């Protein structure tokens, strides 16, 4: 924790339904690929902390899983994470797409935000996908009518548009106080956790829609060689069924090799060093409904 005269800090919870671009927004704001991004729901499973220090102000962004109707113990823990993060934040940023009605889970969260004393702003992401400019104002009016948000802004995380205006708005809410992270930090996640997420991202990208949600990734070994030229990483991919294990491995090991190769490239970009990545696949029946495995895989309550 660092403190000096004039420093300010702000904790902002980023919430919304799956696929509205919460993780893309986090990555764009901090300028690093911290949260994995895919087009599949429930890509983010846990709370991810991103840090941006701009001048005297430190912004701490808390990215959360997409709000949904839970069907497993894992899903219930994800929803609870969202609720707790809203309570922890100084400000809530609820992210929306430019079009569409609210889902039931979104409506519930809006009601919770409306009843909260925490300031809340609506962020309309994907403005680069607007069919016509007037549609943005239509969406603003729709969200204003909900009576939950003090301000509504349009941004494009993909094009990095509107981010300075969002940061300026948040800076006005920052309170005098210390910086809770070093000024050059961009997360509090350990390297092993980010490596595990990079591997899981490839599972989401390359496997069938129904399969990746039944997988978890654990980094069993992370060892930097003495000469500093190579990092040896061993990862275990857990799935729920024996048939799923076969799909992850693929014919002649082709799918697992594809996943490992893509993940290794991202790990090297992230770590700035060459990586020797070994991936193994094991079966843990119905781990998403098993408290022991959920705790062991890092989904603690």
Foldseek 3Di string as FASTA:
>chain_A
DFDDPPAWEFEEEEAAAFQLCLQLLLCLLAVHNQQFDDNAAQLDQAWWWWWADDPRYIYIYTYAHGFDDDDALSNVLRNVRSVVSVVVGLEYEYEDELDDDDDPRRLVVLVVLQPDPRAYEYEHEPPVPDPDPVSNVVSVVVVVVSNRHPYYYYAYSVVSGPSVVVVVVVVVSIDDDGDPDPNPDTGPDDLQVSLQSLLLSLVCVPADNVWSVQKGKGWPDWAQDPVRAEIETEMEIEGADPVSQCRCCDDVRVNVVVSQVSSQVVSCVVVVHHYDYHYHYDYDHPLRRPPVSCVVRPSDD
